[in-house]
Amino acid sequence: MVTHTDEKNVMLINILKEAISIEIYGREYYLRFSDLIEDENARSIFRGLSRDEEEHLMLLENEYNKIAVMPFDARDDDATNKEKANSIFPESHKSLNVKETVDVLKLGIRTEERSIELYSNAAKKTDVGSSKDLFMKLAQIERKHKEMLEDSMYYFDQGGSWYGYSPPSLEG
């Protein structure tokens, strides 16, 4: 367990909790979106994003558990964020129309922007090396996600086609 002043420890734990919540939301959001679009390339894009967010979630939970006295229990956040993500989409399993798809992409971009801001600011605030490194790496990956979503929206706006996707790696 990392030892710090209580104030710094509490700040870092709160940042990690917020980050975990965002990643749970992102995982559910992208997974639900992938179920509602017809294009297989687009499905692949959003399933990949959902897997990425799941990986980020595990890394953040591991970091939290290194710092906090009690392990993180994501069950409440998991249920709340599933509900939030599902509330955005239509009740039926029908495909989304063009406007709905663009709205979903825009919300995804805003969510990635929020993640970038959170991770960038968190890296500046902490002096815990493993947390700082993790936040900087996640900010970089979320920037790539945002660019991919912006490219996808551009190509989709050009006639409903989808931009290809190659998931970024935490390796290296």
N, C-alpha and C. Protein backbone atom coordinates (compact mmCIF):
# COMPACT_ATOMS: atom_id res chain seq x y z
N MET A 1 0.85 -1.19 0.00
CA MET A 1 0.00 0.00 0.00
C MET A 1 0.88 1.24 0.00
N VAL A 2 0.53 2.21 -0.80
CA VAL A 2 1.26 3.48 -0.89
C VAL A 2 0.87 4.33 0.32
N THR A 3 1.85 4.97 0.95
CA THR A 3 1.52 5.83 2.08
C THR A 3 1.77 7.28 1.70
N HIS A 4 0.82 8.13 2.03
CA HIS A 4 0.85 9.57 1.76
C HIS A 4 0.11 10.26 2.87
N THR A 5 0.13 11.55 2.80
CA THR A 5 -0.73 12.27 3.71
C THR A 5 -2.17 11.86 3.39
N ASP A 6 -3.00 11.90 4.38
CA ASP A 6 -4.40 11.50 4.17
C ASP A 6 -5.05 12.31 3.06
N GLU A 7 -4.76 13.60 2.99
CA GLU A 7 -5.37 14.47 1.98
C GLU A 7 -5.00 14.02 0.57
N LYS A 8 -3.73 13.75 0.33
CA LYS A 8 -3.30 13.30 -1.00
C LYS A 8 -3.87 11.93 -1.33
N ASN A 9 -3.91 11.06 -0.34
CA ASN A 9 -4.44 9.72 -0.54
C ASN A 9 -5.93 9.78 -0.89
N VAL A 10 -6.68 10.59 -0.17
CA VAL A 10 -8.11 10.74 -0.42
C VAL A 10 -8.33 11.32 -1.82
N MET A 11 -7.54 12.33 -2.19
CA MET A 11 -7.67 12.93 -3.52
C MET A 11 -7.45 11.87 -4.61
N LEU A 12 -6.40 11.09 -4.48
CA LEU A 12 -6.08 10.08 -5.49
C LEU A 12 -7.16 9.00 -5.53
N ILE A 13 -7.63 8.57 -4.38
CA ILE A 13 -8.69 7.57 -4.34
C ILE A 13 -9.96 8.10 -5.01
N ASN A 14 -10.29 9.36 -4.78
CA ASN A 14 -11.47 9.95 -5.42
C ASN A 14 -11.31 10.05 -6.93
N ILE A 15 -10.11 10.39 -7.38
CA ILE A 15 -9.85 10.43 -8.82
C ILE A 15 -10.01 9.04 -9.41
N LEU A 16 -9.46 8.05 -8.75
CA LEU A 16 -9.56 6.67 -9.25
C LEU A 16 -11.01 6.20 -9.29
N LYS A 17 -11.80 6.55 -8.27
CA LYS A 17 -13.22 6.19 -8.28
C LYS A 17 -13.95 6.82 -9.46
N GLU A 18 -13.68 8.10 -9.72
CA GLU A 18 -14.32 8.77 -10.85
C GLU A 18 -13.89 8.13 -12.17
N ALA A 19 -12.61 7.82 -12.28
CA ALA A 19 -12.10 7.19 -13.50
C ALA A 19 -12.73 5.82 -13.71
N ILE A 20 -12.86 5.05 -12.65
CA ILE A 20 -13.49 3.73 -12.74
C ILE A 20 -14.94 3.88 -13.21
N SER A 21 -15.64 4.84 -12.67
CA SER A 21 -17.02 5.08 -13.06
C SER A 21 -17.13 5.44 -14.54
N ILE A 22 -16.24 6.30 -15.01
CA ILE A 22 -16.25 6.68 -16.43
C ILE A 22 -15.97 5.48 -17.32
N GLU A 23 -15.03 4.64 -16.93
CA GLU A 23 -14.69 3.47 -17.75
C GLU A 23 -15.82 2.45 -17.77
N ILE A 24 -16.51 2.28 -16.64
CA ILE A 24 -17.67 1.38 -16.63
C ILE A 24 -18.74 1.91 -17.59
N TYR A 25 -18.99 3.21 -17.51
CA TYR A 25 -19.97 3.83 -18.39
C TYR A 25 -19.56 3.63 -19.86
N GLY A 26 -18.29 3.92 -20.17
CA GLY A 26 -17.81 3.77 -21.54
C GLY A 26 -17.94 2.35 -22.06
N ARG A 27 -17.59 1.39 -21.22
CA ARG A 27 -17.71 -0.02 -21.61
C ARG A 27 -19.15 -0.34 -21.98
N GLU A 28 -20.08 0.05 -21.14
CA GLU A 28 -21.49 -0.25 -21.38
C GLU A 28 -22.03 0.53 -22.58
N TYR A 29 -21.65 1.78 -22.70
CA TYR A 29 -22.11 2.65 -23.78
C TYR A 29 -21.69 2.07 -25.14
N TYR A 30 -20.41 1.75 -25.27
CA TYR A 30 -19.92 1.24 -26.55
C TYR A 30 -20.47 -0.14 -26.86
N LEU A 31 -20.63 -0.97 -25.85
CA LEU A 31 -21.19 -2.30 -26.07
C LEU A 31 -22.64 -2.20 -26.55
N ARG A 32 -23.42 -1.35 -25.91
CA ARG A 32 -24.83 -1.16 -26.30
C ARG A 32 -24.93 -0.58 -27.71
N PHE A 33 -24.06 0.39 -28.01
CA PHE A 33 -24.04 0.99 -29.35
C PHE A 33 -23.72 -0.07 -30.40
N SER A 34 -22.76 -0.94 -30.11
CA SER A 34 -22.38 -1.96 -31.08
C SER A 34 -23.53 -2.90 -31.41
N ASP A 35 -24.44 -3.08 -30.47
CA ASP A 35 -25.59 -3.95 -30.72
C ASP A 35 -26.65 -3.31 -31.60
N LEU A 36 -26.60 -2.00 -31.76
CA LEU A 36 -27.68 -1.29 -32.46
C LEU A 36 -27.28 -0.76 -33.84
N ILE A 37 -26.09 -1.09 -34.30
CA ILE A 37 -25.69 -0.63 -35.63
C ILE A 37 -25.50 -1.84 -36.54
N GLU A 38 -25.86 -1.65 -37.78
CA GLU A 38 -25.88 -2.76 -38.72
C GLU A 38 -24.52 -3.05 -39.34
N ASP A 39 -23.73 -2.04 -39.59
CA ASP A 39 -22.45 -2.19 -40.28
C ASP A 39 -21.47 -3.00 -39.41
N GLU A 40 -20.95 -4.08 -39.97
CA GLU A 40 -20.05 -4.95 -39.21
C GLU A 40 -18.74 -4.24 -38.84
N ASN A 41 -18.23 -3.37 -39.72
CA ASN A 41 -17.03 -2.60 -39.36
C ASN A 41 -17.30 -1.71 -38.15
N ALA A 42 -18.46 -1.08 -38.15
CA ALA A 42 -18.81 -0.22 -37.02
C ALA A 42 -18.99 -1.04 -35.75
N ARG A 43 -19.60 -2.20 -35.88
CA ARG A 43 -19.74 -3.07 -34.70
C ARG A 43 -18.37 -3.42 -34.14
N SER A 44 -17.46 -3.72 -35.02
CA SER A 44 -16.10 -4.06 -34.60
C SER A 44 -15.44 -2.89 -33.88
N ILE A 45 -15.64 -1.69 -34.40
CA ILE A 45 -15.09 -0.49 -33.78
C ILE A 45 -15.57 -0.38 -32.34
N PHE A 46 -16.86 -0.50 -32.14
CA PHE A 46 -17.43 -0.23 -30.82
C PHE A 46 -17.27 -1.40 -29.86
N ARG A 47 -17.20 -2.61 -30.39
CA ARG A 47 -16.84 -3.73 -29.51
C ARG A 47 -15.40 -3.59 -29.05
N GLY A 48 -14.53 -3.14 -29.94
CA GLY A 48 -13.14 -2.89 -29.57
C GLY A 48 -13.01 -1.80 -28.52
N LEU A 49 -13.78 -0.74 -28.68
CA LEU A 49 -13.76 0.34 -27.68
C LEU A 49 -14.26 -0.18 -26.33
N SER A 50 -15.29 -1.00 -26.35
CA SER A 50 -15.82 -1.56 -25.10
C SER A 50 -14.76 -2.43 -24.41
N ARG A 51 -14.05 -3.24 -25.19
CA ARG A 51 -12.96 -4.06 -24.62
C ARG A 51 -11.85 -3.19 -24.06
N ASP A 52 -11.52 -2.12 -24.78
CA ASP A 52 -10.49 -1.19 -24.28
C ASP A 52 -10.90 -0.61 -22.93
N GLU A 53 -12.16 -0.18 -22.83
CA GLU A 53 -12.63 0.42 -21.59
C GLU A 53 -12.61 -0.61 -20.45
N GLU A 54 -12.92 -1.85 -20.76
CA GLU A 54 -12.84 -2.92 -19.76
C GLU A 54 -11.40 -3.10 -19.27
N GLU A 55 -10.46 -3.04 -20.19
CA GLU A 55 -9.04 -3.15 -19.82
C GLU A 55 -8.62 -1.96 -18.94
N HIS A 56 -9.06 -0.77 -19.30
CA HIS A 56 -8.75 0.42 -18.50
C HIS A 56 -9.34 0.27 -17.09
N LEU A 57 -10.56 -0.24 -17.04
CA LEU A 57 -11.23 -0.45 -15.76
C LEU A 57 -10.40 -1.36 -14.86
N MET A 58 -9.91 -2.45 -15.40
CA MET A 58 -9.12 -3.39 -14.60
C MET A 58 -7.83 -2.74 -14.10
N LEU A 59 -7.18 -1.96 -14.96
CA LEU A 59 -5.95 -1.28 -14.55
C LEU A 59 -6.21 -0.27 -13.43
N LEU A 60 -7.30 0.46 -13.56
CA LEU A 60 -7.66 1.45 -12.54
C LEU A 60 -8.03 0.78 -11.22
N GLU A 61 -8.77 -0.31 -11.30
CA GLU A 61 -9.12 -1.03 -10.08
C GLU A 61 -7.87 -1.57 -9.38
N ASN A 62 -6.93 -2.08 -10.16
CA ASN A 62 -5.66 -2.57 -9.58
C ASN A 62 -4.92 -1.44 -8.89
N GLU A 63 -4.87 -0.28 -9.52
CA GLU A 63 -4.19 0.88 -8.93
C GLU A 63 -4.91 1.31 -7.65
N TYR A 64 -6.22 1.35 -7.70
CA TYR A 64 -7.01 1.70 -6.52
C TYR A 64 -6.69 0.75 -5.37
N ASN A 65 -6.65 -0.54 -5.67
CA ASN A 65 -6.42 -1.53 -4.62
C ASN A 65 -5.01 -1.46 -4.04
N LYS A 66 -4.06 -0.90 -4.79
CA LYS A 66 -2.71 -0.69 -4.25
C LYS A 66 -2.69 0.45 -3.23
N ILE A 67 -3.58 1.41 -3.41
CA ILE A 67 -3.55 2.64 -2.62
C ILE A 67 -4.54 2.62 -1.46
N ALA A 68 -5.73 2.09 -1.69
CA ALA A 68 -6.80 2.14 -0.69
C ALA A 68 -6.66 1.01 0.32
N VAL A 69 -7.20 1.26 1.48
CA VAL A 69 -7.19 0.25 2.54
C VAL A 69 -8.17 -0.87 2.20
N MET A 70 -9.34 -0.50 1.71
CA MET A 70 -10.38 -1.47 1.33
C MET A 70 -10.42 -1.61 -0.19
N PRO A 71 -10.56 -2.84 -0.70
CA PRO A 71 -10.65 -3.01 -2.17
C PRO A 71 -11.90 -2.33 -2.72
N PHE A 72 -11.82 -1.95 -3.97
CA PHE A 72 -12.94 -1.27 -4.63
C PHE A 72 -14.01 -2.27 -5.01
N ASP A 73 -15.25 -1.95 -4.71
CA ASP A 73 -16.38 -2.78 -5.08
C ASP A 73 -17.18 -2.01 -6.13
N ALA A 74 -17.08 -2.45 -7.37
CA ALA A 74 -17.68 -1.72 -8.49
C ALA A 74 -19.14 -2.07 -8.72
N ARG A 75 -19.73 -2.92 -7.90
CA ARG A 75 -21.11 -3.36 -8.18
C ARG A 75 -22.10 -2.20 -8.28
N ASP A 76 -22.04 -1.27 -7.33
CA ASP A 76 -22.98 -0.14 -7.38
C ASP A 76 -22.73 0.74 -8.59
N ASP A 77 -21.44 1.07 -8.85
CA ASP A 77 -21.10 1.86 -10.03
C ASP A 77 -21.48 1.13 -11.30
N ASP A 78 -21.26 -0.18 -11.31
CA ASP A 78 -21.57 -0.98 -12.48
C ASP A 78 -23.05 -0.89 -12.82
N ALA A 79 -23.91 -1.08 -11.84
CA ALA A 79 -25.36 -1.03 -12.08
C ALA A 79 -25.80 0.36 -12.49
N THR A 80 -25.30 1.39 -11.81
CA THR A 80 -25.67 2.77 -12.12
C THR A 80 -25.24 3.15 -13.53
N ASN A 81 -24.02 2.81 -13.90
CA ASN A 81 -23.52 3.19 -15.22
C ASN A 81 -24.13 2.37 -16.34
N LYS A 82 -24.48 1.12 -16.09
CA LYS A 82 -25.22 0.35 -17.09
C LYS A 82 -26.55 1.02 -17.38
N GLU A 83 -27.22 1.42 -16.29
CA GLU A 83 -28.51 2.09 -16.43
C GLU A 83 -28.37 3.40 -17.20
N LYS A 84 -27.35 4.20 -16.87
CA LYS A 84 -27.11 5.47 -17.58
C LYS A 84 -26.87 5.23 -19.06
N ALA A 85 -25.99 4.27 -19.37
CA ALA A 85 -25.66 3.99 -20.77
C ALA A 85 -26.89 3.49 -21.52
N ASN A 86 -27.63 2.58 -20.93
CA ASN A 86 -28.80 2.02 -21.60
C ASN A 86 -29.91 3.04 -21.79
N SER A 87 -30.00 4.04 -20.91
CA SER A 87 -31.07 5.03 -21.01
C SER A 87 -30.93 5.92 -22.24
N ILE A 88 -29.76 5.96 -22.82
CA ILE A 88 -29.50 6.81 -23.98
C ILE A 88 -30.06 6.19 -25.25
N PHE A 89 -30.17 4.88 -25.27
CA PHE A 89 -30.54 4.17 -26.49
C PHE A 89 -32.02 3.81 -26.48
N PRO A 90 -32.56 3.58 -27.69
CA PRO A 90 -33.98 3.20 -27.78
C PRO A 90 -34.22 1.88 -27.06
N GLU A 91 -35.44 1.71 -26.60
CA GLU A 91 -35.81 0.49 -25.87
C GLU A 91 -35.72 -0.75 -26.75
N SER A 92 -36.14 -0.64 -27.98
CA SER A 92 -36.14 -1.80 -28.86
C SER A 92 -34.74 -2.07 -29.38
N HIS A 93 -34.61 -3.18 -30.02
CA HIS A 93 -33.31 -3.54 -30.60
C HIS A 93 -33.24 -3.16 -32.08
N LYS A 94 -33.98 -2.12 -32.44
CA LYS A 94 -33.93 -1.67 -33.83
C LYS A 94 -32.62 -0.92 -34.08
N SER A 95 -32.21 -0.87 -35.32
CA SER A 95 -31.01 -0.13 -35.67
C SER A 95 -31.26 1.37 -35.51
N LEU A 96 -30.18 2.09 -35.28
CA LEU A 96 -30.28 3.53 -35.13
C LEU A 96 -30.37 4.19 -36.49
N ASN A 97 -31.11 5.31 -36.57
CA ASN A 97 -31.12 6.06 -37.81
C ASN A 97 -29.87 6.96 -37.85
N VAL A 98 -29.69 7.70 -38.93
CA VAL A 98 -28.50 8.51 -39.12
C VAL A 98 -28.35 9.55 -38.01
N LYS A 99 -29.41 10.27 -37.71
CA LYS A 99 -29.34 11.31 -36.67
C LYS A 99 -28.99 10.70 -35.32
N GLU A 100 -29.63 9.59 -34.96
CA GLU A 100 -29.34 8.93 -33.69
C GLU A 100 -27.88 8.46 -33.63
N THR A 101 -27.40 7.95 -34.75
CA THR A 101 -26.01 7.48 -34.81
C THR A 101 -25.05 8.63 -34.61
N VAL A 102 -25.30 9.75 -35.27
CA VAL A 102 -24.44 10.93 -35.12
C VAL A 102 -24.49 11.44 -33.67
N ASP A 103 -25.67 11.46 -33.07
CA ASP A 103 -25.79 11.88 -31.67
C ASP A 103 -24.99 10.97 -30.75
N VAL A 104 -25.04 9.67 -31.00
CA VAL A 104 -24.30 8.72 -30.17
C VAL A 104 -22.79 8.93 -30.34
N LEU A 105 -22.37 9.17 -31.57
CA LEU A 105 -20.94 9.44 -31.81
C LEU A 105 -20.50 10.72 -31.10
N LYS A 106 -21.33 11.75 -31.16
CA LYS A 106 -20.98 13.02 -30.49
C LYS A 106 -20.86 12.83 -28.98
N LEU A 107 -21.78 12.07 -28.41
CA LEU A 107 -21.70 11.81 -26.97
C LEU A 107 -20.46 11.00 -26.64
N GLY A 108 -20.11 10.05 -27.49
CA GLY A 108 -18.88 9.28 -27.30
C GLY A 108 -17.66 10.19 -27.32
N ILE A 109 -17.62 11.14 -28.23
CA ILE A 109 -16.51 12.08 -28.32
C ILE A 109 -16.44 12.92 -27.05
N ARG A 110 -17.59 13.42 -26.59
CA ARG A 110 -17.60 14.21 -25.34
C ARG A 110 -17.13 13.38 -24.14
N THR A 111 -17.51 12.12 -24.11
CA THR A 111 -17.07 11.24 -23.03
C THR A 111 -15.56 11.03 -23.08
N GLU A 112 -15.03 10.85 -24.26
CA GLU A 112 -13.58 10.70 -24.40
C GLU A 112 -12.86 11.99 -23.98
N GLU A 113 -13.43 13.14 -24.34
CA GLU A 113 -12.84 14.41 -23.92
C GLU A 113 -12.81 14.53 -22.40
N ARG A 114 -13.88 14.10 -21.78
CA ARG A 114 -13.94 14.14 -20.31
C ARG A 114 -12.87 13.22 -19.71
N SER A 115 -12.69 12.05 -20.30
CA SER A 115 -11.66 11.12 -19.83
C SER A 115 -10.26 11.71 -20.00
N ILE A 116 -10.01 12.30 -21.15
CA ILE A 116 -8.71 12.92 -21.42
C ILE A 116 -8.42 13.99 -20.37
N GLU A 117 -9.41 14.84 -20.12
CA GLU A 117 -9.23 15.90 -19.13
C GLU A 117 -8.98 15.32 -17.74
N LEU A 118 -9.77 14.34 -17.35
CA LEU A 118 -9.60 13.72 -16.04
C LEU A 118 -8.21 13.13 -15.89
N TYR A 119 -7.78 12.33 -16.85
CA TYR A 119 -6.48 11.67 -16.75
C TYR A 119 -5.32 12.65 -16.83
N SER A 120 -5.43 13.64 -17.69
CA SER A 120 -4.36 14.64 -17.81
C SER A 120 -4.21 15.43 -16.51
N ASN A 121 -5.32 15.87 -15.95
CA ASN A 121 -5.28 16.62 -14.69
C ASN A 121 -4.81 15.74 -13.53
N ALA A 122 -5.26 14.49 -13.51
CA ALA A 122 -4.88 13.58 -12.44
C ALA A 122 -3.37 13.32 -12.45
N ALA A 123 -2.80 13.19 -13.65
CA ALA A 123 -1.35 12.96 -13.76
C ALA A 123 -0.57 14.13 -13.18
N LYS A 124 -1.11 15.34 -13.33
CA LYS A 124 -0.46 16.53 -12.79
C LYS A 124 -0.59 16.62 -11.27
N LYS A 125 -1.66 16.06 -10.72
CA LYS A 125 -1.96 16.22 -9.31
C LYS A 125 -1.27 15.21 -8.40
N THR A 126 -0.91 14.05 -8.94
CA THR A 126 -0.38 13.01 -8.07
C THR A 126 1.13 12.89 -8.18
N ASP A 127 1.73 12.48 -7.08
CA ASP A 127 3.17 12.20 -7.10
C ASP A 127 3.43 10.70 -6.93
N VAL A 128 2.36 9.90 -7.00
CA VAL A 128 2.51 8.44 -6.98
C VAL A 128 2.87 8.01 -8.40
N GLY A 129 4.10 7.51 -8.54
CA GLY A 129 4.62 7.21 -9.88
C GLY A 129 3.76 6.27 -10.68
N SER A 130 3.28 5.19 -10.09
CA SER A 130 2.48 4.23 -10.85
C SER A 130 1.15 4.85 -11.29
N SER A 131 0.55 5.67 -10.43
CA SER A 131 -0.71 6.33 -10.80
C SER A 131 -0.47 7.36 -11.89
N LYS A 132 0.58 8.17 -11.74
CA LYS A 132 0.90 9.19 -12.74
C LYS A 132 1.12 8.53 -14.11
N ASP A 133 1.92 7.46 -14.14
CA ASP A 133 2.19 6.76 -15.40
C ASP A 133 0.91 6.20 -16.02
N LEU A 134 0.06 5.60 -15.18
CA LEU A 134 -1.19 5.05 -15.67
C LEU A 134 -2.08 6.15 -16.24
N PHE A 135 -2.22 7.26 -15.53
CA PHE A 135 -3.05 8.36 -16.01
C PHE A 135 -2.53 8.93 -17.34
N MET A 136 -1.22 9.07 -17.46
CA MET A 136 -0.66 9.61 -18.71
C MET A 136 -0.91 8.65 -19.87
N LYS A 137 -0.75 7.36 -19.63
CA LYS A 137 -0.98 6.36 -20.67
C LYS A 137 -2.46 6.33 -21.07
N LEU A 138 -3.34 6.38 -20.09
CA LEU A 138 -4.78 6.37 -20.40
C LEU A 138 -5.20 7.63 -21.15
N ALA A 139 -4.65 8.78 -20.78
CA ALA A 139 -4.97 10.02 -21.51
C ALA A 139 -4.58 9.89 -22.98
N GLN A 140 -3.42 9.30 -23.22
CA GLN A 140 -2.96 9.10 -24.60
C GLN A 140 -3.90 8.16 -25.36
N ILE A 141 -4.30 7.08 -24.74
CA ILE A 141 -5.20 6.12 -25.40
C ILE A 141 -6.56 6.76 -25.65
N GLU A 142 -7.07 7.51 -24.69
CA GLU A 142 -8.37 8.17 -24.88
C GLU A 142 -8.30 9.22 -25.98
N ARG A 143 -7.16 9.87 -26.16
CA ARG A 143 -7.00 10.79 -27.31
C ARG A 143 -7.16 10.03 -28.62
N LYS A 144 -6.57 8.84 -28.68
CA LYS A 144 -6.70 8.01 -29.89
C LYS A 144 -8.15 7.58 -30.10
N HIS A 145 -8.84 7.24 -29.01
CA HIS A 145 -10.26 6.89 -29.12
C HIS A 145 -11.05 8.08 -29.68
N LYS A 146 -10.79 9.27 -29.15
CA LYS A 146 -11.49 10.47 -29.60
C LYS A 146 -11.24 10.70 -31.09
N GLU A 147 -9.99 10.60 -31.51
CA GLU A 147 -9.66 10.78 -32.93
C GLU A 147 -10.38 9.74 -33.80
N MET A 148 -10.42 8.50 -33.33
CA MET A 148 -11.09 7.45 -34.08
C MET A 148 -12.58 7.74 -34.20
N LEU A 149 -13.20 8.22 -33.12
CA LEU A 149 -14.61 8.56 -33.17
C LEU A 149 -14.86 9.75 -34.10
N GLU A 150 -13.98 10.75 -34.04
CA GLU A 150 -14.12 11.91 -34.94
C GLU A 150 -13.96 11.47 -36.39
N ASP A 151 -13.00 10.60 -36.67
CA ASP A 151 -12.82 10.08 -38.03
C ASP A 151 -14.04 9.27 -38.45
N SER A 152 -14.56 8.46 -37.54
CA SER A 152 -15.75 7.66 -37.84
C SER A 152 -16.93 8.56 -38.17
N MET A 153 -17.09 9.63 -37.39
CA MET A 153 -18.20 10.55 -37.65
C MET A 153 -18.02 11.24 -39.00
N TYR A 154 -16.80 11.63 -39.31
CA TYR A 154 -16.54 12.28 -40.60
C TYR A 154 -16.92 11.33 -41.74
N TYR A 155 -16.42 10.09 -41.69
CA TYR A 155 -16.71 9.15 -42.76
C TYR A 155 -18.19 8.80 -42.81
N PHE A 156 -18.80 8.66 -41.65
CA PHE A 156 -20.23 8.36 -41.61
C PHE A 156 -21.03 9.50 -42.22
N ASP A 157 -20.66 10.74 -41.91
CA ASP A 157 -21.33 11.91 -42.48
C ASP A 157 -21.17 12.00 -43.99
N GLN A 158 -20.12 11.39 -44.52
CA GLN A 158 -19.87 11.43 -45.95
C GLN A 158 -20.72 10.45 -46.74
N GLY A 159 -21.52 9.67 -46.06
CA GLY A 159 -22.39 8.76 -46.80
C GLY A 159 -22.71 7.49 -46.06
N GLY A 160 -22.52 7.52 -44.77
CA GLY A 160 -22.92 6.37 -43.98
C GLY A 160 -21.89 5.27 -43.89
N SER A 161 -20.68 5.50 -44.43
CA SER A 161 -19.65 4.47 -44.31
C SER A 161 -18.89 4.67 -43.01
N TRP A 162 -18.15 3.67 -42.61
CA TRP A 162 -17.44 3.70 -41.33
C TRP A 162 -15.95 3.64 -41.54
N TYR A 163 -15.28 4.35 -40.70
CA TYR A 163 -13.82 4.38 -40.68
C TYR A 163 -13.31 3.11 -40.01
N GLY A 164 -12.20 2.55 -40.48
CA GLY A 164 -11.62 1.35 -39.90
C GLY A 164 -11.08 1.58 -38.51
N TYR A 165 -10.83 0.52 -37.80
CA TYR A 165 -10.41 0.61 -36.39
C TYR A 165 -9.29 -0.37 -36.10
N SER A 166 -8.26 0.12 -35.47
CA SER A 166 -7.19 -0.72 -34.94
C SER A 166 -6.98 -0.29 -33.50
N PRO A 167 -7.34 -1.15 -32.54
CA PRO A 167 -7.30 -0.71 -31.14
C PRO A 167 -5.89 -0.37 -30.67
N PRO A 168 -5.73 0.74 -29.91
CA PRO A 168 -4.44 1.07 -29.36
C PRO A 168 -4.08 0.06 -28.27
N SER A 169 -2.81 -0.09 -28.03
CA SER A 169 -2.34 -1.06 -27.06
C SER A 169 -1.72 -0.37 -25.86
N LEU A 170 -1.87 -0.98 -24.71
CA LEU A 170 -1.20 -0.48 -23.51
C LEU A 170 0.25 -0.96 -23.45
N GLU A 171 0.62 -1.85 -24.34
CA GLU A 171 2.00 -2.34 -24.37
C GLU A 171 2.93 -1.23 -24.82
N GLY A 172 4.18 -1.31 -24.43
CA GLY A 172 5.19 -0.40 -24.97
C GLY A 172 5.36 0.77 -24.25
